[in-house]
């Protein structure tokens, strides 16, 4: 699920979006036009389309350091892209005028480094500044951190 306003200019960087996935290990692909197809469409694809309520909700999801779970679905939020997601969330928060959300995101940007799955430490603010520069060029306005 993504943002229609800023997603297209950021397409080179994966858009401004979050992938929605099933929390189940696997989902059987329907093989016939029967109740299983209806269930697959309503409970899988249909629910995924409702996962993000609005742009403010997308902002909140993007800025989450942890997996966001709703029902049997979750937003795929790898720790490695957390700094980039924080910049995206900040762009949305500013566009929406969500002052308190901006303050929360700015606090998260100033947090201690995070540990990646390979054991390396990732400096949040340093990485975010790199993403802000890329996003600024793509959007045509400066994203100050």
Protein backbone atom coordinates (compact mmCIF):
# COMPACT_ATOMS: atom_id res chain seq x y z
CA UNK A 1 0.00 0.00 0.00
CA UNK A 2 1.43 3.33 -0.99
CA UNK A 3 1.02 7.06 -1.26
CA UNK A 4 -0.46 8.36 -4.52
CA UNK A 5 1.07 11.83 -4.13
CA UNK A 6 4.71 11.01 -3.37
CA UNK A 7 4.88 7.39 -4.50
CA UNK A 8 5.34 7.99 -8.25
CA UNK A 9 8.29 10.41 -7.92
CA UNK A 10 9.94 7.95 -5.52
CA UNK A 11 9.38 4.91 -7.75
CA UNK A 12 13.13 4.56 -8.28
CA UNK A 13 13.43 4.00 -4.52
CA UNK A 14 10.58 1.52 -4.20
CA UNK A 15 7.89 4.17 -4.05
CA UNK A 16 6.52 5.47 -0.77
CA UNK A 17 4.79 2.31 0.32
CA UNK A 18 4.74 -0.72 2.59
CA UNK A 19 4.41 -4.29 1.32
CA UNK A 20 1.53 -6.17 2.93
CA UNK A 21 2.01 -9.88 3.51
CA UNK A 22 0.14 -12.75 5.02
CA UNK A 23 1.15 -13.73 8.55
CA UNK A 24 0.43 -17.34 7.63
CA UNK A 25 3.31 -19.49 6.41
CA UNK A 26 1.59 -20.06 3.11
CA UNK A 27 -1.69 -19.46 1.39
CA UNK A 28 -2.98 -21.97 -1.11
CA UNK A 29 -3.52 -20.47 -4.54
CA UNK A 30 -7.11 -21.14 -5.65
CA UNK A 31 -7.37 -23.69 -8.44
CA UNK A 32 -11.06 -23.45 -9.21
CA UNK A 33 -13.88 -20.92 -9.37
CA UNK A 34 -15.43 -21.91 -6.06
CA UNK A 35 -15.63 -20.78 -2.43
CA UNK A 36 -11.85 -21.02 -2.03
CA UNK A 37 -11.42 -18.31 -4.67
CA UNK A 38 -13.97 -16.07 -2.95
CA UNK A 39 -12.22 -16.60 0.39
CA UNK A 40 -8.81 -15.94 -1.16
CA UNK A 41 -9.98 -12.68 -2.71
CA UNK A 42 -11.90 -11.42 0.32
CA UNK A 43 -9.64 -12.56 3.14
CA UNK A 44 -6.33 -12.10 1.35
CA UNK A 45 -6.27 -9.48 -1.35
CA UNK A 46 -9.39 -7.71 -0.10
CA UNK A 47 -8.09 -7.34 3.45
CA UNK A 48 -4.67 -6.23 2.19
CA UNK A 49 -6.32 -3.34 0.34
CA UNK A 50 -7.84 -2.22 3.67
CA UNK A 51 -4.65 -2.62 5.73
CA UNK A 52 -3.67 1.06 5.53
CA UNK A 53 -6.55 3.33 6.55
CA UNK A 54 -5.20 6.64 5.16
CA UNK A 55 -2.03 8.68 4.62
CA UNK A 56 -1.68 9.36 8.36
CA UNK A 57 -1.88 5.64 9.05
CA UNK A 58 0.73 5.00 6.34
CA UNK A 59 2.95 7.54 8.09
CA UNK A 60 2.54 5.70 11.38
CA UNK A 61 3.27 2.32 9.81
CA UNK A 62 6.37 3.59 7.99
CA UNK A 63 7.78 5.02 11.22
CA UNK A 64 7.25 1.83 13.20
CA UNK A 65 10.45 0.11 14.32
CA UNK A 66 8.55 -3.17 14.61
CA UNK A 67 6.27 -5.27 12.46
CA UNK A 68 2.71 -3.95 12.27
CA UNK A 69 0.18 -6.80 12.42
CA UNK A 70 -3.51 -6.47 11.64
CA UNK A 71 -5.53 -9.64 11.58
CA UNK A 72 -3.72 -12.27 9.53
CA UNK A 73 -1.68 -9.66 7.63
CA UNK A 74 1.44 -7.68 8.43
CA UNK A 75 3.37 -4.81 6.93
CA UNK A 76 6.82 -6.05 5.91
CA UNK A 77 9.20 -3.63 7.65
CA UNK A 78 12.81 -4.83 7.50
CA UNK A 79 15.08 -3.23 10.07
CA UNK A 80 17.63 -2.36 7.36
CA UNK A 81 15.27 0.12 5.71
CA UNK A 82 14.14 1.75 8.97
CA UNK A 83 16.10 5.01 8.37
CA UNK A 84 14.65 5.33 4.84
CA UNK A 85 11.15 4.66 6.17
CA UNK A 86 11.58 7.33 8.83
CA UNK A 87 12.42 9.89 6.15
CA UNK A 88 9.38 8.80 4.12
CA UNK A 89 7.19 9.09 7.22
CA UNK A 90 8.59 12.55 7.92
CA UNK A 91 7.75 13.65 4.37
CA UNK A 92 4.17 12.46 4.85
CA UNK A 93 3.84 13.95 8.34
CA UNK A 94 4.99 17.35 7.08
CA UNK A 95 2.67 17.21 4.09
CA UNK A 96 -0.27 16.32 6.33
CA UNK A 97 0.61 18.87 9.02
CA UNK A 98 0.92 16.17 11.69
CA UNK A 99 3.10 18.12 14.11
CA UNK A 100 3.16 15.53 16.92
CA UNK A 101 4.02 12.77 14.44
CA UNK A 102 6.90 14.91 13.12
CA UNK A 103 8.26 15.29 16.66
CA UNK A 104 8.02 11.52 17.24
CA UNK A 105 9.83 10.78 13.97
CA UNK A 106 12.55 13.31 14.74
CA UNK A 107 13.10 11.57 18.10
CA UNK A 108 13.41 8.22 16.33
CA UNK A 109 15.94 9.69 13.90
CA UNK A 110 18.11 10.70 16.89
CA UNK A 111 18.06 7.22 18.48
CA UNK A 112 21.10 5.05 19.01
CA UNK A 113 22.29 2.84 16.14
CA UNK A 114 20.31 -0.28 15.33
CA UNK A 115 21.75 -3.76 14.94
CA UNK A 116 21.16 -5.46 11.60
CA UNK A 117 20.68 -9.19 11.17
CA UNK A 118 24.31 -9.55 10.06
CA UNK A 119 25.46 -8.02 13.37
CA UNK A 120 26.53 -4.66 11.93
CA UNK A 121 25.36 -1.42 13.50
CA UNK A 122 23.46 1.07 11.37
CA UNK A 123 23.55 4.74 12.35
CA UNK A 124 19.96 5.91 11.93
CA UNK A 125 20.51 9.63 11.38
CA UNK A 126 23.53 9.21 9.11
CA UNK A 127 21.68 6.72 6.90
CA UNK A 128 18.53 8.86 6.96
CA UNK A 129 20.48 11.90 5.72
CA UNK A 130 21.58 9.92 2.68
CA UNK A 131 18.00 8.93 1.96
CA UNK A 132 16.79 12.50 2.50
CA UNK A 133 19.21 13.72 -0.18
CA UNK A 134 17.99 11.10 -2.66
CA UNK A 135 14.34 11.79 -1.89
CA UNK A 136 14.91 15.56 -2.16
CA UNK A 137 16.29 15.14 -5.68
CA UNK A 138 13.41 12.89 -6.72
CA UNK A 139 10.69 15.09 -5.18
CA UNK A 140 12.08 18.46 -6.24
CA UNK A 141 12.13 19.93 -2.73
CA UNK A 142 14.52 19.72 0.19
CA UNK A 143 13.81 17.19 2.91
CA UNK A 144 15.54 18.71 5.94
CA UNK A 145 16.42 16.49 8.87
